[in-house]
Amino acid sequence: MSKPVFKVAFIGGGGIARTHMKYLKTLEKVDICAAADVSEMSLKRLNEEYPDVEQYTDYKQMLRELPADCQAVDVCTPNGLHAENTIAALDAGKHVMVEKPMAMSSAEAQKMLDAAKRNGKQIIVGFQHRFDAKTKLIRDQIAANSFGRILYVRAQALRRRGIPNWGVFGRKELQGGGPMIDIGVHILETAHYMIGSPRPVTASGGAWTYMGNKPSEVASVWPGWDYQTYNVEDLACAMIRFDNGTILVIESSFVAHIEKDIFNVTLMGEKGGAVWDTSQIFTDHGGYQMNMTPGWLGKWDVFEYKMKHFVDVCREGRKNEAPGEHGLLVQKMLDGVYASAEKGREVGIE
């Protein structure tokens, strides 16, 4: 049977929205019907690339005027608007893809889930790294009990010099935080997904700002950003305990005195362990310590997979592999990290 045309509208028309659009345009029978953004510059650039997309400066007006056969809305706004935009789209009867992090807090994320439930619609969170072939390998090995009980996980999203010099990434009131909620969320959700999404129970962490709120002395390799409005952390680290006894350590930085950037997960279990970025597995076999790599893993564009998954969930009823419930658990961990850093002690995660 021929697939129906999938019509999607956008709230937010900036860089990440245009990336989403680029991938959606490669998919069969997908139509981007409208986009709303408060920035005239974003709409101008959007019009240059996608002149057939109906444009709005008021997303609420757009939602009222969307055609009845528009199935979904893609939310690509700053973090502080995710909940408001998502709930409005769900209440308009649309499925929603919302970029990471799901919200500014777990309380907001729960309201989003409540809206999805009362409207019978899906929330798909923009967690593309869970679709990586490396992630699937380790998740499958854990599910097959190849590693035994997972004891310890180390997740790292560290930049030596990488404070964003565009957007509002340095403004806590609009983003909710700095590297932990921006790039740390990616490696945190990937690690959490691989180990089966257990329930977090406590968090103990710290967050420090020591360079981002000052002029840079190494501008030649670190282009300018707005240090005068920068009020987020440069570095955050935390330990999270789960209800199954696993401990996860998360480290994330925009700027840190390290040798090089790191984006990786290391797992240690009773019978084996793994490193995500190299797909290596470490175990004992036949009386020897073995370092193993898969003979064939597969490789695909995770962003393309993410956008096709979004379409398939909404149009064809495919199982949602990045559901709002997972986004809520990740949000609770982020809340815990920041709360612990502020209070200077371990905190419980409800």
C-alpha atoms as a PDB file:
ATOM      1  CA  MET A   1       0.000   0.000   0.000  1.00  0.00           C
ATOM      2  CA  SER A   2       1.162   3.522  -0.787  1.00  0.00           C
ATOM      3  CA  LYS A   3       2.221   5.549   2.242  1.00  0.00           C
ATOM      4  CA  PRO A   4       0.193   8.691   2.979  1.00  0.00           C
ATOM      5  CA  VAL A   5       2.012  12.010   2.837  1.00  0.00           C
ATOM      6  CA  PHE A   6       3.410  12.875   6.249  1.00  0.00           C
ATOM      7  CA  LYS A   7       2.916  16.571   6.975  1.00  0.00           C
ATOM      8  CA  VAL A   8       4.964  18.174   9.741  1.00  0.00           C
ATOM      9  CA  ALA A   9       5.199  21.729  11.081  1.00  0.00           C
ATOM     10  CA  PHE A  10       8.065  23.305  13.023  1.00  0.00           C
ATOM     11  CA  ILE A  11       8.166  25.502  16.096  1.00  0.00           C
ATOM     12  CA  GLY A  12      11.594  27.068  15.813  1.00  0.00           C
ATOM     13  CA  GLY A  13      13.267  27.638  12.478  1.00  0.00           C
ATOM     14  CA  GLY A  14      16.929  28.045  13.415  1.00  0.00           C
ATOM     15  CA  GLY A  15      19.950  25.881  12.715  1.00  0.00           C
ATOM     16  CA  ILE A  16      18.797  22.640  14.335  1.00  0.00           C
ATOM     17  CA  ALA A  17      15.373  22.969  12.672  1.00  0.00           C
ATOM     18  CA  ARG A  18      16.962  23.311   9.252  1.00  0.00           C
ATOM     19  CA  THR A  19      19.066  20.232   9.991  1.00  0.00           C
ATOM     20  CA  HIS A  20      15.886  18.308  10.811  1.00  0.00           C
ATOM     21  CA  MET A  21      14.305  19.604   7.613  1.00  0.00           C
ATOM     22  CA  LYS A  22      17.291  18.552   5.515  1.00  0.00           C
ATOM     23  CA  TYR A  23      16.883  14.951   6.623  1.00  0.00           C
ATOM     24  CA  LEU A  24      13.096  14.960   6.417  1.00  0.00           C
ATOM     25  CA  LYS A  25      13.312  16.129   2.801  1.00  0.00           C
ATOM     26  CA  THR A  26      15.232  12.963   1.887  1.00  0.00           C
ATOM     27  CA  LEU A  27      12.406  10.725   3.125  1.00  0.00           C
ATOM     28  CA  GLU A  28       9.580   9.398   1.011  1.00  0.00           C
ATOM     29  CA  LYS A  29       6.345  11.407   1.011  1.00  0.00           C
ATOM     30  CA  VAL A  30       7.237  13.929   3.702  1.00  0.00           C
ATOM     31  CA  ASP A  31       5.961  17.500   3.452  1.00  0.00           C
ATOM     32  CA  ILE A  32       7.141  20.356   5.688  1.00  0.00           C
ATOM     33  CA  CYS A  33       4.018  22.480   5.668  1.00  0.00           C
ATOM     34  CA  ALA A  34       4.759  25.340   8.098  1.00  0.00           C
ATOM     35  CA  ALA A  35       7.277  26.827  10.521  1.00  0.00           C
ATOM     36  CA  ALA A  36       7.083  29.476  13.233  1.00  0.00           C
ATOM     37  CA  ASP A  37       9.930  31.545  14.685  1.00  0.00           C
ATOM     38  CA  VAL A  38      10.120  34.886  16.462  1.00  0.00           C
ATOM     39  CA  SER A  39      13.381  35.732  14.685  1.00  0.00           C
ATOM     40  CA  GLU A  40      13.048  37.475  11.326  1.00  0.00           C
ATOM     41  CA  MET A  41      16.614  36.438  10.500  1.00  0.00           C
ATOM     42  CA  SER A  42      15.785  32.749  11.091  1.00  0.00           C
ATOM     43  CA  LEU A  43      12.694  33.024   8.906  1.00  0.00           C
ATOM     44  CA  LYS A  44      14.678  34.783   6.169  1.00  0.00           C
ATOM     45  CA  ARG A  45      17.297  32.035   6.110  1.00  0.00           C
ATOM     46  CA  LEU A  46      14.569  29.421   6.256  1.00  0.00           C
ATOM     47  CA  ASN A  47      12.807  30.998   3.283  1.00  0.00           C
ATOM     48  CA  GLU A  48      16.029  30.923   1.271  1.00  0.00           C
ATOM     49  CA  GLU A  49      16.332  27.155   1.760  1.00  0.00           C
ATOM     50  CA  TYR A  50      12.655  26.173   1.926  1.00  0.00           C
ATOM     51  CA  PRO A  51      10.590  28.811   0.084  1.00  0.00           C
ATOM     52  CA  ASP A  52       7.475  26.610  -0.029  1.00  0.00           C
ATOM     53  CA  VAL A  53       7.162  26.387   3.767  1.00  0.00           C
ATOM     54  CA  GLU A  54       4.428  28.617   5.208  1.00  0.00           C
ATOM     55  CA  GLN A  55       5.986  30.989   7.731  1.00  0.00           C
ATOM     56  CA  TYR A  56       4.652  32.422  10.999  1.00  0.00           C
ATOM     57  CA  THR A  57       6.019  34.628  13.747  1.00  0.00           C
ATOM     58  CA  ASP A  58       3.394  33.319  16.221  1.00  0.00           C
ATOM     59  CA  TYR A  59       3.443  29.567  16.783  1.00  0.00           C
ATOM     60  CA  LYS A  60      -0.010  29.626  18.366  1.00  0.00           C
ATOM     61  CA  GLN A  61      -1.471  31.118  15.204  1.00  0.00           C
ATOM     62  CA  MET A  62       0.349  28.479  13.186  1.00  0.00           C
ATOM     63  CA  LEU A  63      -1.141  25.684  15.304  1.00  0.00           C
ATOM     64  CA  ARG A  64      -4.639  27.117  14.819  1.00  0.00           C
ATOM     65  CA  GLU A  65      -4.195  27.310  11.048  1.00  0.00           C
ATOM     66  CA  LEU A  66      -2.441  24.017  10.376  1.00  0.00           C
ATOM     67  CA  PRO A  67      -4.223  21.731   7.905  1.00  0.00           C
ATOM     68  CA  ALA A  68      -6.152  18.890   9.499  1.00  0.00           C
ATOM     69  CA  ASP A  69      -3.890  16.301   7.873  1.00  0.00           C
ATOM     70  CA  CYS A  70      -0.734  17.740   9.485  1.00  0.00           C
ATOM     71  CA  GLN A  71       0.206  14.912  11.829  1.00  0.00           C
ATOM     72  CA  ALA A  72       3.129  16.241  13.821  1.00  0.00           C
ATOM     73  CA  VAL A  73       5.063  19.220  15.110  1.00  0.00           C
ATOM     74  CA  ASP A  74       8.843  19.326  15.492  1.00  0.00           C
ATOM     75  CA  VAL A  75       9.923  21.528  18.428  1.00  0.00           C
ATOM     76  CA  CYS A  76      13.369  23.073  17.846  1.00  0.00           C
ATOM     77  CA  THR A  77      13.364  26.042  20.214  1.00  0.00           C
ATOM     78  CA  PRO A  78      15.634  26.875  23.181  1.00  0.00           C
ATOM     79  CA  ASN A  79      15.231  24.531  26.150  1.00  0.00           C
ATOM     80  CA  GLY A  80      13.153  27.007  28.131  1.00  0.00           C
ATOM     81  CA  LEU A  81      10.375  26.851  25.533  1.00  0.00           C
ATOM     82  CA  HIS A  82      10.240  23.082  25.013  1.00  0.00           C
ATOM     83  CA  ALA A  83       7.467  22.393  27.513  1.00  0.00           C
ATOM     84  CA  GLU A  84       5.239  25.307  26.461  1.00  0.00           C
ATOM     85  CA  ASN A  85       5.622  24.545  22.755  1.00  0.00           C
ATOM     86  CA  THR A  86       5.221  20.788  23.134  1.00  0.00           C
ATOM     87  CA  ILE A  87       2.117  20.976  25.312  1.00  0.00           C
ATOM     88  CA  ALA A  88       0.466  23.441  22.913  1.00  0.00           C
ATOM     89  CA  ALA A  89       1.190  21.166  19.934  1.00  0.00           C
ATOM     90  CA  LEU A  90      -0.111  18.079  21.761  1.00  0.00           C
ATOM     91  CA  ASP A  91      -3.271  19.947  22.763  1.00  0.00           C
ATOM     92  CA  ALA A  92      -3.679  20.862  19.081  1.00  0.00           C
ATOM     93  CA  GLY A  93      -3.847  17.128  18.365  1.00  0.00           C
ATOM     94  CA  LYS A  94      -0.361  16.634  16.939  1.00  0.00           C
ATOM     95  CA  HIS A  95       2.414  14.163  17.694  1.00  0.00           C
ATOM     96  CA  VAL A  96       5.611  15.912  18.796  1.00  0.00           C
ATOM     97  CA  MET A  97       9.317  15.511  18.226  1.00  0.00           C
ATOM     98  CA  VAL A  98      11.132  17.666  20.790  1.00  0.00           C
ATOM     99  CA  GLU A  99      14.854  18.280  20.711  1.00  0.00           C
ATOM    100  CA  LYS A 100      16.996  17.345  23.683  1.00  0.00           C
ATOM    101  CA  PRO A 101      16.859  17.954  26.563  1.00  0.00           C
ATOM    102  CA  MET A 102      13.158  17.240  26.865  1.00  0.00           C
ATOM    103  CA  ALA A 103      12.584  20.236  29.156  1.00  0.00           C
ATOM    104  CA  MET A 104      14.135  22.511  31.762  1.00  0.00           C
ATOM    105  CA  SER A 105      13.054  20.282  34.651  1.00  0.00           C
ATOM    106  CA  SER A 106      11.405  16.962  35.406  1.00  0.00           C
ATOM    107  CA  ALA A 107       8.270  18.842  36.537  1.00  0.00           C
ATOM    108  CA  GLU A 108       7.965  20.335  33.045  1.00  0.00           C
ATOM    109  CA  ALA A 109       8.695  16.958  31.453  1.00  0.00           C
ATOM    110  CA  GLN A 110       5.917  15.342  33.493  1.00  0.00           C
ATOM    111  CA  LYS A 111       3.436  17.983  32.299  1.00  0.00           C
ATOM    112  CA  MET A 112       4.451  17.188  28.732  1.00  0.00           C
ATOM    113  CA  LEU A 113       3.831  13.478  29.310  1.00  0.00           C
ATOM    114  CA  ASP A 114       0.454  14.263  30.871  1.00  0.00           C
ATOM    115  CA  ALA A 115      -0.483  16.282  27.779  1.00  0.00           C
ATOM    116  CA  ALA A 116       0.550  13.441  25.484  1.00  0.00           C
ATOM    117  CA  LYS A 117      -1.546  10.981  27.479  1.00  0.00           C
ATOM    118  CA  ARG A 118      -4.707  13.089  27.533  1.00  0.00           C
ATOM    119  CA  ASN A 119      -4.456  13.701  23.779  1.00  0.00           C
ATOM    120  CA  GLY A 120      -3.443  10.166  22.822  1.00  0.00           C
ATOM    121  CA  LYS A 121      -0.296  11.386  21.054  1.00  0.00           C
ATOM    122  CA  GLN A 122       3.381  10.491  21.010  1.00  0.00           C
ATOM    123  CA  ILE A 123       6.381  12.456  22.280  1.00  0.00           C
ATOM    124  CA  ILE A 124       9.620  11.511  20.548  1.00  0.00           C
ATOM    125  CA  VAL A 125      12.727  13.002  22.218  1.00  0.00           C
ATOM    126  CA  GLY A 126      15.694  13.989  20.025  1.00  0.00           C
ATOM    127  CA  PHE A 127      18.102  11.394  21.409  1.00  0.00           C
ATOM    128  CA  GLN A 128      19.953  10.316  18.247  1.00  0.00           C
ATOM    129  CA  HIS A 129      22.939   8.534  19.826  1.00  0.00           C
ATOM    130  CA  ARG A 130      20.744   5.692  21.079  1.00  0.00           C
ATOM    131  CA  PHE A 131      20.320   4.823  17.387  1.00  0.00           C
ATOM    132  CA  ASP A 132      24.074   4.402  16.848  1.00  0.00           C
ATOM    133  CA  ALA A 133      25.274   0.936  15.813  1.00  0.00           C
ATOM    134  CA  LYS A 134      27.751   1.040  18.717  1.00  0.00           C
ATOM    135  CA  THR A 135      24.903   1.642  21.149  1.00  0.00           C
ATOM    136  CA  LYS A 136      22.911  -1.265  19.744  1.00  0.00           C
ATOM    137  CA  LEU A 137      25.900  -3.606  20.071  1.00  0.00           C
ATOM    138  CA  ILE A 138      26.446  -2.879  23.753  1.00  0.00           C
ATOM    139  CA  ARG A 139      22.744  -2.760  24.603  1.00  0.00           C
ATOM    140  CA  ASP A 140      22.258  -6.155  22.934  1.00  0.00           C
ATOM    141  CA  GLN A 141      25.240  -7.625  24.802  1.00  0.00           C
ATOM    142  CA  ILE A 142      23.887  -6.364  28.123  1.00  0.00           C
ATOM    143  CA  ALA A 143      20.422  -7.708  27.317  1.00  0.00           C
ATOM    144  CA  ALA A 144      22.004 -11.101  26.515  1.00  0.00           C
ATOM    145  CA  ASN A 145      23.737 -11.030  29.950  1.00  0.00           C
ATOM    146  CA  SER A 146      27.175 -11.142  28.326  1.00  0.00           C
ATOM    147  CA  PHE A 147      28.539  -8.725  30.937  1.00  0.00           C
ATOM    148  CA  GLY A 148      26.582 -10.000  33.917  1.00  0.00           C
ATOM    149  CA  ARG A 149      25.416  -7.377  36.374  1.00  0.00           C
ATOM    150  CA  ILE A 150      26.537  -3.883  35.354  1.00  0.00           C
ATOM    151  CA  LEU A 151      28.463  -2.390  38.261  1.00  0.00           C
ATOM    152  CA  TYR A 152      29.903   0.890  37.012  1.00  0.00           C
ATOM    153  CA  VAL A 153      29.433   3.236  34.061  1.00  0.00           C
ATOM    154  CA  ARG A 154      31.536   6.266  33.168  1.00  0.00           C
ATOM    155  CA  ALA A 155      29.959   8.698  30.701  1.00  0.00           C
ATOM    156  CA  GLN A 156      32.010  11.623  29.382  1.00  0.00           C
ATOM    157  CA  ALA A 157      31.109  14.569  27.158  1.00  0.00           C
ATOM    158  CA  LEU A 158      34.157  16.779  27.617  1.00  0.00           C
ATOM    159  CA  ARG A 159      35.449  19.658  25.522  1.00  0.00           C
ATOM    160  CA  ARG A 160      38.819  21.268  26.093  1.00  0.00           C
ATOM    161  CA  ARG A 161      37.642  24.511  24.448  1.00  0.00           C
ATOM    162  CA  GLY A 162      34.073  24.508  23.200  1.00  0.00           C
ATOM    163  CA  ILE A 163      31.818  27.168  24.671  1.00  0.00           C
ATOM    164  CA  PRO A 164      29.140  27.766  22.003  1.00  0.00           C
ATOM    165  CA  ASN A 165      29.553  31.206  20.437  1.00  0.00           C
ATOM    166  CA  TRP A 166      26.042  31.297  18.982  1.00  0.00           C
ATOM    167  CA  GLY A 167      22.539  30.921  20.356  1.00  0.00           C
ATOM    168  CA  VAL A 168      21.704  31.178  24.067  1.00  0.00           C
ATOM    169  CA  PHE A 169      23.743  28.243  25.374  1.00  0.00           C
ATOM    170  CA  GLY A 170      25.427  30.389  28.019  1.00  0.00           C
ATOM    171  CA  ARG A 171      22.218  31.655  29.602  1.00  0.00           C
ATOM    172  CA  LYS A 172      20.866  29.513  32.416  1.00  0.00           C
ATOM    173  CA  GLU A 173      17.457  31.177  32.437  1.00  0.00           C
ATOM    174  CA  LEU A 174      16.855  30.038  28.845  1.00  0.00           C
ATOM    175  CA  GLN A 175      18.769  26.737  28.777  1.00  0.00           C
ATOM    176  CA  GLY A 176      18.574  25.423  32.334  1.00  0.00           C
ATOM    177  CA  GLY A 177      22.325  24.946  32.555  1.00  0.00           C
ATOM    178  CA  GLY A 178      25.503  24.579  30.540  1.00  0.00           C
ATOM    179  CA  PRO A 179      27.403  21.555  29.221  1.00  0.00           C
ATOM    180  CA  MET A 180      25.640  19.033  31.474  1.00  0.00           C
ATOM    181  CA  ILE A 181      22.205  19.777  30.042  1.00  0.00           C
ATOM    182  CA  ASP A 182      23.474  20.571  26.528  1.00  0.00           C
ATOM    183  CA  ILE A 183      26.040  17.918  25.571  1.00  0.00           C
ATOM    184  CA  GLY A 184      26.155  15.827  28.745  1.00  0.00           C
ATOM    185  CA  VAL A 185      22.518  14.926  28.173  1.00  0.00           C
ATOM    186  CA  HIS A 186      23.491  13.090  24.985  1.00  0.00           C
ATOM    187  CA  ILE A 187      26.085  10.804  26.552  1.00  0.00           C
ATOM    188  CA  LEU A 188      23.973  10.400  29.708  1.00  0.00           C
ATOM    189  CA  GLU A 189      20.906   9.215  27.811  1.00  0.00           C
ATOM    190  CA  THR A 190      23.048   6.921  25.653  1.00  0.00           C
ATOM    191  CA  ALA A 191      24.628   5.265  28.689  1.00  0.00           C
ATOM    192  CA  HIS A 192      21.304   5.038  30.520  1.00  0.00           C
ATOM    193  CA  TYR A 193      19.620   3.501  27.464  1.00  0.00           C
ATOM    194  CA  MET A 194      22.380   0.899  26.999  1.00  0.00           C
ATOM    195  CA  ILE A 195      22.051  -0.379  30.576  1.00  0.00           C
ATOM    196  CA  GLY A 196      18.301  -0.796  30.282  1.00  0.00           C
ATOM    197  CA  SER A 197      16.992   2.556  31.596  1.00  0.00           C
ATOM    198  CA  PRO A 198      17.013   1.744  35.347  1.00  0.00           C
ATOM    199  CA  ARG A 199      15.424   4.119  37.850  1.00  0.00           C
ATOM    200  CA  PRO A 200      17.836   6.703  39.335  1.00  0.00           C
ATOM    201  CA  VAL A 201      17.596   7.121  43.116  1.00  0.00           C
ATOM    202  CA  THR A 202      20.364   9.545  44.186  1.00  0.00           C
ATOM    203  CA  ALA A 203      22.797  12.044  42.692  1.00  0.00           C
ATOM    204  CA  SER A 204      25.940  13.631  44.085  1.00  0.00           C
ATOM    205  CA  GLY A 205      27.755  16.212  42.015  1.00  0.00           C
ATOM    206  CA  GLY A 206      29.450  19.533  41.524  1.00  0.00           C
ATOM    207  CA  ALA A 207      29.393  22.303  38.930  1.00  0.00           C
ATOM    208  CA  TRP A 208      31.972  25.053  38.435  1.00  0.00           C
ATOM    209  CA  THR A 209      32.272  28.253  36.391  1.00  0.00           C
ATOM    210  CA  TYR A 210      35.827  29.543  36.066  1.00  0.00           C
ATOM    211  CA  MET A 211      36.498  30.598  32.457  1.00  0.00           C
ATOM    212  CA  GLY A 212      33.285  31.111  30.514  1.00  0.00           C
ATOM    213  CA  ASN A 213      32.343  34.305  32.334  1.00  0.00           C
ATOM    214  CA  LYS A 214      35.663  36.004  31.517  1.00  0.00           C
ATOM    215  CA  PRO A 215      37.277  37.268  28.293  1.00  0.00           C
ATOM    216  CA  SER A 216      39.351  34.570  26.600  1.00  0.00           C
ATOM    217  CA  GLU A 217      43.127  34.880  26.428  1.00  0.00           C
ATOM    218  CA  VAL A 218      43.317  32.209  23.721  1.00  0.00           C
ATOM    219  CA  ALA A 219      40.943  33.756  21.196  1.00  0.00           C
ATOM    220  CA  SER A 220      42.949  32.475  18.245  1.00  0.00           C
ATOM    221  CA  VAL A 221      41.797  28.936  18.965  1.00  0.00           C
ATOM    222  CA  TRP A 222      38.654  29.769  20.909  1.00  0.00           C
ATOM    223  CA  PRO A 223      36.374  32.198  19.056  1.00  0.00           C
ATOM    224  CA  GLY A 224      34.395  34.777  20.987  1.00  0.00           C
ATOM    225  CA  TRP A 225      31.219  34.195  22.904  1.00  0.00           C
ATOM    226  CA  ASP A 226      29.166  36.500  25.107  1.00  0.00           C
ATOM    227  CA  TYR A 227      31.015  36.130  28.396  1.00  0.00           C
ATOM    228  CA  GLN A 228      29.056  39.023  29.914  1.00  0.00           C
ATOM    229  CA  THR A 229      25.771  37.048  29.874  1.00  0.00           C
ATOM    230  CA  TYR A 230      27.413  33.667  30.528  1.00  0.00           C
ATOM    231  CA  ASN A 231      25.980  32.270  33.772  1.00  0.00           C
ATOM    232  CA  VAL A 232      26.152  28.480  33.309  1.00  0.00           C
ATOM    233  CA  GLU A 233      28.770  25.989  34.435  1.00  0.00           C
ATOM    234  CA  ASP A 234      32.004  25.277  32.543  1.00  0.00           C
ATOM    235  CA  LEU A 235      32.342  21.807  34.057  1.00  0.00           C
ATOM    236  CA  ALA A 236      29.945  19.505  35.899  1.00  0.00           C
ATOM    237  CA  CYS A 237      30.557  16.025  37.279  1.00  0.00           C
ATOM    238  CA  ALA A 238      28.294  13.726  39.247  1.00  0.00           C
ATOM    239  CA  MET A 239      27.685  10.209  40.526  1.00  0.00           C
ATOM    240  CA  ILE A 240      24.228   8.690  40.091  1.00  0.00           C
ATOM    241  CA  ARG A 241      23.000   5.560  41.861  1.00  0.00           C
ATOM    242  CA  PHE A 242      20.259   3.387  40.386  1.00  0.00           C
ATOM    243  CA  ASP A 243      17.719   1.121  42.011  1.00  0.00           C
ATOM    244  CA  ASN A 244      19.515  -1.971  40.664  1.00  0.00           C
ATOM    245  CA  GLY A 245      22.807  -1.044  42.381  1.00  0.00           C
ATOM    246  CA  THR A 246      24.594   0.289  39.292  1.00  0.00           C
ATOM    247  CA  ILE A 247      26.625   3.478  39.713  1.00  0.00           C
ATOM    248  CA  LEU A 248      27.074   5.929  36.835  1.00  0.00           C
ATOM    249  CA  VAL A 249      29.568   8.793  36.782  1.00  0.00           C
ATOM    250  CA  ILE A 250      28.894  11.608  34.322  1.00  0.00           C
ATOM    251  CA  GLU A 251      31.432  14.307  33.349  1.00  0.00           C
ATOM    252  CA  SER A 252      30.659  17.180  31.002  1.00  0.00           C
ATOM    253  CA  SER A 253      32.435  20.409  30.087  1.00  0.00           C
ATOM    254  CA  PHE A 254      32.406  23.281  27.637  1.00  0.00           C
ATOM    255  CA  VAL A 255      35.922  24.147  28.765  1.00  0.00           C
ATOM    256  CA  ALA A 256      38.345  22.030  30.809  1.00  0.00           C
ATOM    257  CA  HIS A 257      42.071  21.583  31.161  1.00  0.00           C
ATOM    258  CA  ILE A 258      42.319  18.181  29.486  1.00  0.00           C
ATOM    259  CA  GLU A 259      44.382  16.787  26.610  1.00  0.00           C
ATOM    260  CA  LYS A 260      41.557  16.482  24.078  1.00  0.00           C
ATOM    261  CA  ASP A 261      37.795  16.328  23.662  1.00  0.00           C
ATOM    262  CA  ILE A 262      36.140  13.115  24.850  1.00  0.00           C
ATOM    263  CA  PHE A 263      32.696  11.738  24.012  1.00  0.00           C
ATOM    264  CA  ASN A 264      32.530   8.202  25.323  1.00  0.00           C
ATOM    265  CA  VAL A 265      31.014   5.620  27.660  1.00  0.00           C
ATOM    266  CA  THR A 266      32.933   2.931  29.562  1.00  0.00           C
ATOM    267  CA  LEU A 267      31.008   0.079  31.212  1.00  0.00           C
ATOM    268  CA  MET A 268      32.224  -2.499  33.749  1.00  0.00           C
ATOM    269  CA  GLY A 269      30.236  -5.594  34.676  1.00  0.00           C
ATOM    270  CA  GLU A 270      30.800  -8.767  36.681  1.00  0.00           C
ATOM    271  CA  LYS A 271      31.573 -10.865  33.577  1.00  0.00           C
ATOM    272  CA  GLY A 272      32.694  -8.264  31.070  1.00  0.00           C
ATOM    273  CA  GLY A 273      32.862  -4.646  30.042  1.00  0.00           C
ATOM    274  CA  ALA A 274      32.933  -2.396  27.008  1.00  0.00           C
ATOM    275  CA  VAL A 275      34.018   0.925  25.559  1.00  0.00           C
ATOM    276  CA  TRP A 276      31.437   2.659  23.400  1.00  0.00           C
ATOM    277  CA  ASP A 277      33.542   4.719  20.981  1.00  0.00           C
ATOM    278  CA  THR A 278      35.692   1.756  19.849  1.00  0.00           C
ATOM    279  CA  SER A 279      33.010  -0.949  20.249  1.00  0.00           C
ATOM    280  CA  GLN A 280      35.545  -3.036  22.192  1.00  0.00           C
ATOM    281  CA  ILE A 281      34.386  -5.712  24.616  1.00  0.00           C
ATOM    282  CA  PHE A 282      36.596  -6.983  27.444  1.00  0.00           C
ATOM    283  CA  THR A 283      36.019 -10.366  29.075  1.00  0.00           C
ATOM    284  CA  ASP A 284      37.644 -13.670  30.053  1.00  0.00           C
ATOM    285  CA  HIS A 285      37.371 -16.632  27.696  1.00  0.00           C
ATOM    286  CA  GLY A 286      39.043 -20.049  27.660  1.00  0.00           C
ATOM    287  CA  GLY A 287      41.498 -19.070  30.359  1.00  0.00           C
ATOM    288  CA  TYR A 288      42.537 -15.794  28.685  1.00  0.00           C
ATOM    289  CA  GLN A 289      41.730 -12.132  29.074  1.00  0.00           C
ATOM    290  CA  MET A 290      40.146 -11.175  25.766  1.00  0.00           C
ATOM    291  CA  ASN A 291      39.808  -7.809  23.991  1.00  0.00           C
ATOM    292  CA  MET A 292      37.166  -8.301  21.304  1.00  0.00           C
ATOM    293  CA  THR A 293      35.798  -6.170  18.486  1.00  0.00           C
ATOM    294  CA  PRO A 294      32.850  -7.102  16.268  1.00  0.00           C
ATOM    295  CA  GLY A 295      33.688  -8.437  12.836  1.00  0.00           C
ATOM    296  CA  TRP A 296      30.767  -6.494  11.420  1.00  0.00           C
ATOM    297  CA  LEU A 297      28.830  -3.763  13.121  1.00  0.00           C
ATOM    298  CA  GLY A 298      26.985  -1.781  10.480  1.00  0.00           C
ATOM    299  CA  LYS A 299      27.074   1.964  10.072  1.00  0.00           C
ATOM    300  CA  TRP A 300      24.410   4.514   9.347  1.00  0.00           C
ATOM    301  CA  ASP A 301      23.721   8.203   9.825  1.00  0.00           C
ATOM    302  CA  VAL A 302      22.174   8.430  13.290  1.00  0.00           C
ATOM    303  CA  PHE A 303      20.466  11.733  12.532  1.00  0.00           C
ATOM    304  CA  GLU A 304      18.865  10.258   9.431  1.00  0.00           C
ATOM    305  CA  TYR A 305      17.733   7.286  11.527  1.00  0.00           C
ATOM    306  CA  LYS A 306      16.324   9.646  14.158  1.00  0.00           C
ATOM    307  CA  MET A 307      14.226  11.576  11.672  1.00  0.00           C
ATOM    308  CA  LYS A 308      12.981   8.452   9.886  1.00  0.00           C
ATOM    309  CA  HIS A 309      12.086   6.965  13.261  1.00  0.00           C
ATOM    310  CA  PHE A 310      10.077  10.119  14.035  1.00  0.00           C
ATOM    311  CA  VAL A 311       8.111   9.762  10.795  1.00  0.00           C
ATOM    312  CA  ASP A 312       7.573   6.022  11.234  1.00  0.00           C
ATOM    313  CA  VAL A 313       6.298   6.403  14.807  1.00  0.00           C
ATOM    314  CA  CYS A 314       3.787   9.083  13.816  1.00  0.00           C
ATOM    315  CA  ARG A 315       2.706   7.811  10.401  1.00  0.00           C
ATOM    316  CA  GLU A 316       2.948   4.045  10.754  1.00  0.00           C
ATOM    317  CA  GLY A 317       2.628   3.375  14.480  1.00  0.00           C
ATOM    318  CA  ARG A 318       6.171   2.074  14.886  1.00  0.00           C
ATOM    319  CA  LYS A 319       7.278   1.500  18.483  1.00  0.00           C
ATOM    320  CA  ASN A 320       8.703   4.703  19.922  1.00  0.00           C
ATOM    321  CA  GLU A 321      12.356   4.022  20.753  1.00  0.00           C
ATOM    322  CA  ALA A 322      12.949   7.495  22.242  1.00  0.00           C
ATOM    323  CA  PRO A 323       9.784   7.987  24.318  1.00  0.00           C
ATOM    324  CA  GLY A 324       8.998  10.832  26.653  1.00  0.00           C
ATOM    325  CA  GLU A 325       9.195   8.443  29.600  1.00  0.00           C
ATOM    326  CA  HIS A 326      12.911   7.996  28.924  1.00  0.00           C
ATOM    327  CA  GLY A 327      13.280  11.749  28.538  1.00  0.00           C
ATOM    328  CA  LEU A 328      11.680  12.199  31.963  1.00  0.00           C
ATOM    329  CA  LEU A 329      14.148   9.819  33.626  1.00  0.00           C
ATOM    330  CA  VAL A 330      17.074  11.657  32.024  1.00  0.00           C
ATOM    331  CA  GLN A 331      15.577  14.956  33.158  1.00  0.00           C
ATOM    332  CA  LYS A 332      15.324  13.665  36.725  1.00  0.00           C
ATOM    333  CA  MET A 333      19.009  12.803  36.652  1.00  0.00           C
ATOM    334  CA  LEU A 334      19.898  16.264  35.351  1.00  0.00           C
ATOM    335  CA  ASP A 335      17.747  17.837  38.067  1.00  0.00           C
ATOM    336  CA  GLY A 336      19.574  15.731  40.638  1.00  0.00           C
ATOM    337  CA  VAL A 337      23.020  16.722  39.381  1.00  0.00           C
ATOM    338  CA  TYR A 338      22.254  20.426  39.500  1.00  0.00           C
ATOM    339  CA  ALA A 339      20.448  20.215  42.848  1.00  0.00           C
ATOM    340  CA  SER A 340      23.360  18.352  44.405  1.00  0.00           C
ATOM    341  CA  ALA A 341      25.867  20.852  43.013  1.00  0.00           C
ATOM    342  CA  GLU A 342      23.866  23.732  44.460  1.00  0.00           C
ATOM    343  CA  LYS A 343      23.352  22.135  47.888  1.00  0.00           C
ATOM    344  CA  GLY A 344      26.819  20.626  48.183  1.00  0.00           C
ATOM    345  CA  ARG A 345      25.541  17.175  49.152  1.00  0.00           C
ATOM    346  CA  GLU A 346      23.927  14.045  47.801  1.00  0.00           C
ATOM    347  CA  VAL A 347      20.244  14.401  46.944  1.00  0.00           C
ATOM    348  CA  GLY A 348      17.454  11.918  46.394  1.00  0.00           C
ATOM    349  CA  ILE A 349      15.797  11.536  42.999  1.00  0.00           C
ATOM    350  CA  GLU A 350      12.060  10.941  43.269  1.00  0.00           C
END
